[in-house]
């Protein structure tokens, strides 16, 4: 599935099952919450914390939740994620094409 297809699919789902989008500010708060849930799994799986009894290693699901809300925000604000990602990749390439190769820490 492409980013464009994902944006259309989320929009279709919202209009079919979700009634309407939450407000942009609410979705920003929800995105922050979802990133926190992702961070919790990362801290337990790759960091120094351990899973509590009943907690699951649902890393992929938490990443998908973050992506879902990000796509909602893109749809609401008129951002074409395919184009935005292409431009962002180009920016990073131009800015960092030699930076990481020349970093002795890497």
N, C-alpha and C. Protein backbone atom coordinates (compact mmCIF):
# COMPACT_ATOMS: atom_id res chain seq x y z
N UNK A 1 0.85 -1.18 0.00
CA UNK A 1 0.00 0.00 0.00
C UNK A 1 0.89 1.24 0.00
N UNK A 2 0.63 2.17 -0.89
CA UNK A 2 1.39 3.41 -0.95
C UNK A 2 0.86 4.39 0.11
N UNK A 3 1.60 5.45 0.34
CA UNK A 3 1.12 6.49 1.25
C UNK A 3 -0.18 7.11 0.73
N UNK A 4 -0.25 7.32 -0.57
CA UNK A 4 -1.46 7.88 -1.16
C UNK A 4 -2.66 6.96 -0.93
N UNK A 5 -2.44 5.67 -1.14
CA UNK A 5 -3.52 4.70 -0.90
C UNK A 5 -3.91 4.67 0.57
N UNK A 6 -2.93 4.76 1.45
CA UNK A 6 -3.20 4.77 2.89
C UNK A 6 -4.03 6.00 3.26
N UNK A 7 -3.69 7.15 2.71
CA UNK A 7 -4.46 8.36 3.01
C UNK A 7 -5.91 8.20 2.55
N UNK A 8 -6.10 7.63 1.38
CA UNK A 8 -7.46 7.43 0.87
C UNK A 8 -8.21 6.40 1.72
N UNK A 9 -7.53 5.34 2.11
CA UNK A 9 -8.17 4.29 2.91
C UNK A 9 -8.59 4.81 4.28
N UNK A 10 -7.72 5.58 4.92
CA UNK A 10 -8.08 6.16 6.22
C UNK A 10 -9.27 7.10 6.07
N UNK A 11 -9.26 7.93 5.04
CA UNK A 11 -10.37 8.85 4.82
C UNK A 11 -11.67 8.08 4.59
N UNK A 12 -11.60 7.04 3.81
CA UNK A 12 -12.78 6.20 3.54
C UNK A 12 -13.28 5.56 4.84
N UNK A 13 -12.37 5.07 5.66
CA UNK A 13 -12.75 4.44 6.93
C UNK A 13 -13.40 5.45 7.86
N UNK A 14 -12.80 6.62 7.98
CA UNK A 14 -13.36 7.66 8.85
C UNK A 14 -14.77 8.01 8.41
N UNK A 15 -14.97 8.18 7.13
CA UNK A 15 -16.29 8.57 6.62
C UNK A 15 -17.32 7.44 6.73
N UNK A 16 -16.86 6.19 6.75
CA UNK A 16 -17.76 5.05 6.84
C UNK A 16 -18.06 4.66 8.28
N UNK A 17 -17.01 4.58 9.11
CA UNK A 17 -17.16 4.06 10.46
C UNK A 17 -16.94 5.10 11.55
N UNK A 18 -16.16 6.10 11.27
CA UNK A 18 -15.75 7.03 12.31
C UNK A 18 -16.62 8.26 12.44
N UNK A 19 -17.63 8.40 11.61
CA UNK A 19 -18.55 9.54 11.58
C UNK A 19 -17.84 10.79 11.04
N UNK A 20 -16.77 11.22 11.72
CA UNK A 20 -16.00 12.37 11.26
C UNK A 20 -14.62 12.30 11.92
N UNK A 21 -13.71 13.13 11.41
CA UNK A 21 -12.39 13.25 12.03
C UNK A 21 -12.54 13.97 13.37
N UNK A 22 -11.72 13.59 14.34
CA UNK A 22 -11.58 14.42 15.53
C UNK A 22 -10.96 15.74 15.09
N UNK A 23 -11.04 16.76 15.90
CA UNK A 23 -10.41 18.03 15.54
C UNK A 23 -8.90 17.84 15.41
N UNK A 24 -8.26 18.73 14.69
CA UNK A 24 -6.81 18.64 14.49
C UNK A 24 -6.07 18.67 15.82
N UNK A 25 -6.53 19.51 16.73
CA UNK A 25 -5.86 19.60 18.03
C UNK A 25 -6.05 18.31 18.83
N UNK A 26 -7.25 17.74 18.78
CA UNK A 26 -7.48 16.47 19.47
C UNK A 26 -6.60 15.39 18.86
N UNK A 27 -6.52 15.34 17.52
CA UNK A 27 -5.68 14.33 16.88
C UNK A 27 -4.21 14.54 17.21
N UNK A 28 -3.78 15.78 17.41
CA UNK A 28 -2.39 16.01 17.81
C UNK A 28 -2.16 15.43 19.21
N UNK A 29 -3.13 15.61 20.09
CA UNK A 29 -3.02 15.03 21.44
C UNK A 29 -3.04 13.50 21.36
N UNK A 30 -3.89 12.94 20.50
CA UNK A 30 -3.96 11.49 20.33
C UNK A 30 -2.64 10.97 19.77
N UNK A 31 -2.04 11.70 18.82
CA UNK A 31 -0.74 11.30 18.26
C UNK A 31 0.31 11.25 19.37
N UNK A 32 0.31 12.24 20.22
CA UNK A 32 1.26 12.28 21.33
C UNK A 32 1.05 11.07 22.26
N UNK A 33 -0.20 10.75 22.52
CA UNK A 33 -0.53 9.59 23.34
C UNK A 33 -0.04 8.30 22.68
N UNK A 34 -0.27 8.17 21.39
CA UNK A 34 0.15 6.96 20.68
C UNK A 34 1.67 6.83 20.64
N UNK A 35 2.38 7.94 20.47
CA UNK A 35 3.85 7.89 20.50
C UNK A 35 4.32 7.46 21.88
N UNK A 36 3.63 7.91 22.93
CA UNK A 36 3.97 7.47 24.28
C UNK A 36 3.78 5.97 24.46
N UNK A 37 2.71 5.43 23.88
CA UNK A 37 2.48 3.99 23.97
C UNK A 37 3.57 3.22 23.21
N UNK A 38 3.98 3.76 22.08
CA UNK A 38 5.08 3.16 21.33
C UNK A 38 6.37 3.21 22.15
N UNK A 39 6.61 4.34 22.79
CA UNK A 39 7.81 4.50 23.62
C UNK A 39 7.83 3.49 24.77
N UNK A 40 6.66 3.23 25.34
CA UNK A 40 6.58 2.27 26.45
C UNK A 40 7.03 0.88 25.97
N UNK A 41 6.55 0.46 24.80
CA UNK A 41 6.94 -0.86 24.27
C UNK A 41 8.43 -0.87 23.95
N UNK A 42 8.93 0.20 23.34
CA UNK A 42 10.36 0.27 23.00
C UNK A 42 11.23 0.19 24.26
N UNK A 43 10.81 0.90 25.32
CA UNK A 43 11.59 0.89 26.56
C UNK A 43 11.64 -0.50 27.18
N UNK A 44 10.57 -1.25 27.01
CA UNK A 44 10.52 -2.58 27.59
C UNK A 44 11.22 -3.61 26.71
N UNK A 45 11.09 -3.45 25.41
CA UNK A 45 11.67 -4.44 24.50
C UNK A 45 13.17 -4.20 24.27
N UNK A 46 13.58 -2.94 24.14
CA UNK A 46 14.97 -2.64 23.79
C UNK A 46 15.72 -1.89 24.88
N UNK A 47 14.99 -1.39 25.86
CA UNK A 47 15.61 -0.62 26.93
C UNK A 47 15.79 -1.45 28.19
N UNK A 48 15.89 -0.75 29.28
CA UNK A 48 16.19 -1.40 30.56
C UNK A 48 14.97 -1.81 31.35
N UNK A 49 13.79 -1.47 30.87
CA UNK A 49 12.58 -1.86 31.59
C UNK A 49 12.12 -3.23 31.11
N UNK A 50 11.28 -3.88 31.91
CA UNK A 50 10.71 -5.16 31.52
C UNK A 50 9.20 -5.01 31.43
N UNK A 51 8.60 -5.91 30.67
CA UNK A 51 7.15 -5.89 30.54
C UNK A 51 6.52 -6.25 31.88
N UNK A 52 5.48 -5.52 32.23
CA UNK A 52 4.70 -5.84 33.42
C UNK A 52 3.78 -7.00 33.08
N UNK A 53 3.31 -7.68 34.10
CA UNK A 53 2.39 -8.79 33.87
C UNK A 53 1.16 -8.27 33.12
N UNK A 54 0.83 -8.93 32.04
CA UNK A 54 -0.32 -8.54 31.24
C UNK A 54 0.01 -7.62 30.08
N UNK A 55 1.19 -6.98 30.09
CA UNK A 55 1.59 -6.13 28.98
C UNK A 55 2.05 -7.00 27.82
N UNK A 56 1.78 -6.51 26.61
CA UNK A 56 2.15 -7.27 25.41
C UNK A 56 3.22 -6.53 24.62
N UNK A 57 4.01 -7.30 23.92
CA UNK A 57 4.97 -6.76 22.96
C UNK A 57 4.21 -6.54 21.65
N UNK A 58 3.54 -5.42 21.55
CA UNK A 58 2.72 -5.12 20.37
C UNK A 58 3.33 -3.94 19.59
N UNK A 59 4.61 -4.06 19.33
CA UNK A 59 5.37 -3.00 18.67
C UNK A 59 4.76 -2.60 17.33
N UNK A 60 4.46 -3.57 16.48
CA UNK A 60 3.92 -3.25 15.16
C UNK A 60 2.58 -2.53 15.27
N UNK A 61 1.72 -2.98 16.17
CA UNK A 61 0.42 -2.35 16.34
C UNK A 61 0.56 -0.92 16.83
N UNK A 62 1.48 -0.68 17.74
CA UNK A 62 1.69 0.69 18.24
C UNK A 62 2.24 1.59 17.14
N UNK A 63 3.13 1.07 16.30
CA UNK A 63 3.64 1.86 15.17
C UNK A 63 2.50 2.17 14.20
N UNK A 64 1.63 1.20 13.96
CA UNK A 64 0.50 1.41 13.07
C UNK A 64 -0.46 2.45 13.64
N UNK A 65 -0.65 2.47 14.96
CA UNK A 65 -1.49 3.49 15.58
C UNK A 65 -0.93 4.89 15.34
N UNK A 66 0.39 5.03 15.48
CA UNK A 66 1.04 6.32 15.23
C UNK A 66 0.83 6.74 13.78
N UNK A 67 1.04 5.80 12.86
CA UNK A 67 0.87 6.09 11.44
C UNK A 67 -0.57 6.48 11.13
N UNK A 68 -1.53 5.78 11.71
CA UNK A 68 -2.96 6.07 11.50
C UNK A 68 -3.28 7.52 11.85
N UNK A 69 -2.88 7.94 13.04
CA UNK A 69 -3.21 9.30 13.49
C UNK A 69 -2.45 10.33 12.66
N UNK A 70 -1.21 10.04 12.29
CA UNK A 70 -0.45 10.94 11.43
C UNK A 70 -1.15 11.11 10.09
N UNK A 71 -1.66 10.02 9.54
CA UNK A 71 -2.40 10.09 8.27
C UNK A 71 -3.68 10.90 8.45
N UNK A 72 -4.36 10.72 9.56
CA UNK A 72 -5.55 11.54 9.83
C UNK A 72 -5.19 13.02 9.80
N UNK A 73 -4.12 13.38 10.48
CA UNK A 73 -3.69 14.79 10.51
C UNK A 73 -3.33 15.29 9.12
N UNK A 74 -2.66 14.47 8.34
CA UNK A 74 -2.31 14.85 6.97
C UNK A 74 -3.58 15.09 6.16
N UNK A 75 -4.53 14.19 6.27
CA UNK A 75 -5.79 14.36 5.53
C UNK A 75 -6.50 15.63 5.95
N UNK A 76 -6.53 15.90 7.23
CA UNK A 76 -7.24 17.06 7.74
C UNK A 76 -6.60 18.38 7.33
N UNK A 77 -5.31 18.37 7.18
CA UNK A 77 -4.58 19.62 6.90
C UNK A 77 -4.18 19.74 5.44
N UNK A 78 -4.59 18.78 4.61
CA UNK A 78 -4.32 18.86 3.19
C UNK A 78 -2.90 18.53 2.79
N UNK A 79 -2.21 17.77 3.62
CA UNK A 79 -0.82 17.39 3.31
C UNK A 79 -0.83 16.10 2.50
N UNK A 80 -0.16 16.12 1.36
CA UNK A 80 0.05 14.93 0.55
C UNK A 80 1.32 14.28 1.08
N UNK A 81 1.16 13.19 1.81
CA UNK A 81 2.32 12.56 2.45
C UNK A 81 3.33 12.01 1.46
N UNK A 82 2.87 11.57 0.30
CA UNK A 82 3.80 11.07 -0.72
C UNK A 82 4.73 12.18 -1.14
N UNK A 83 4.18 13.32 -1.46
CA UNK A 83 5.00 14.46 -1.91
C UNK A 83 5.84 15.01 -0.75
N UNK A 84 5.24 15.10 0.42
CA UNK A 84 5.98 15.61 1.58
C UNK A 84 7.17 14.72 1.91
N UNK A 85 6.97 13.39 1.84
CA UNK A 85 8.05 12.47 2.13
C UNK A 85 9.13 12.54 1.06
N UNK A 86 8.72 12.65 -0.19
CA UNK A 86 9.70 12.77 -1.29
C UNK A 86 10.56 14.01 -1.09
N UNK A 87 9.93 15.14 -0.79
CA UNK A 87 10.66 16.38 -0.57
C UNK A 87 11.56 16.30 0.65
N UNK A 88 11.08 15.64 1.70
CA UNK A 88 11.87 15.51 2.91
C UNK A 88 13.10 14.63 2.68
N UNK A 89 12.92 13.56 1.91
CA UNK A 89 14.05 12.69 1.57
C UNK A 89 15.09 13.44 0.74
N UNK A 90 14.62 14.24 -0.19
CA UNK A 90 15.53 15.05 -1.01
C UNK A 90 16.29 16.04 -0.14
N UNK A 91 15.59 16.68 0.80
CA UNK A 91 16.24 17.63 1.71
C UNK A 91 17.32 16.94 2.53
N UNK A 92 16.99 15.79 3.08
CA UNK A 92 17.96 15.05 3.90
C UNK A 92 19.16 14.59 3.07
N UNK A 93 18.90 14.16 1.85
CA UNK A 93 19.98 13.71 0.97
C UNK A 93 20.93 14.85 0.67
N UNK A 94 20.38 16.00 0.31
CA UNK A 94 21.23 17.16 0.00
C UNK A 94 22.00 17.62 1.22
N UNK A 95 21.37 17.61 2.36
CA UNK A 95 22.00 18.11 3.58
C UNK A 95 23.01 17.13 4.15
N UNK A 96 22.72 15.84 4.07
CA UNK A 96 23.51 14.86 4.81
C UNK A 96 24.29 13.87 3.96
N UNK A 97 24.38 14.12 2.65
CA UNK A 97 24.99 13.11 1.77
C UNK A 97 26.40 12.73 2.18
N UNK A 98 27.16 13.64 2.77
CA UNK A 98 28.52 13.32 3.21
C UNK A 98 28.67 13.35 4.73
N UNK A 99 27.72 13.95 5.39
CA UNK A 99 27.82 14.16 6.84
C UNK A 99 28.02 12.87 7.61
N UNK A 100 27.21 11.86 7.36
CA UNK A 100 27.31 10.63 8.12
C UNK A 100 28.53 9.81 7.74
N UNK A 101 28.90 9.85 6.47
CA UNK A 101 30.11 9.13 6.03
C UNK A 101 31.35 9.67 6.71
N UNK A 102 31.33 10.99 7.00
CA UNK A 102 32.49 11.64 7.60
C UNK A 102 32.42 11.71 9.13
N UNK A 103 31.45 11.07 9.72
CA UNK A 103 31.28 11.09 11.16
C UNK A 103 32.06 9.93 11.79
N UNK A 104 33.15 10.22 12.49
CA UNK A 104 33.97 9.13 13.07
C UNK A 104 33.21 8.34 14.14
N UNK A 105 32.14 8.88 14.68
CA UNK A 105 31.37 8.17 15.68
C UNK A 105 30.53 7.05 15.06
N UNK A 106 30.32 7.13 13.76
CA UNK A 106 29.55 6.09 13.08
C UNK A 106 30.49 5.11 12.44
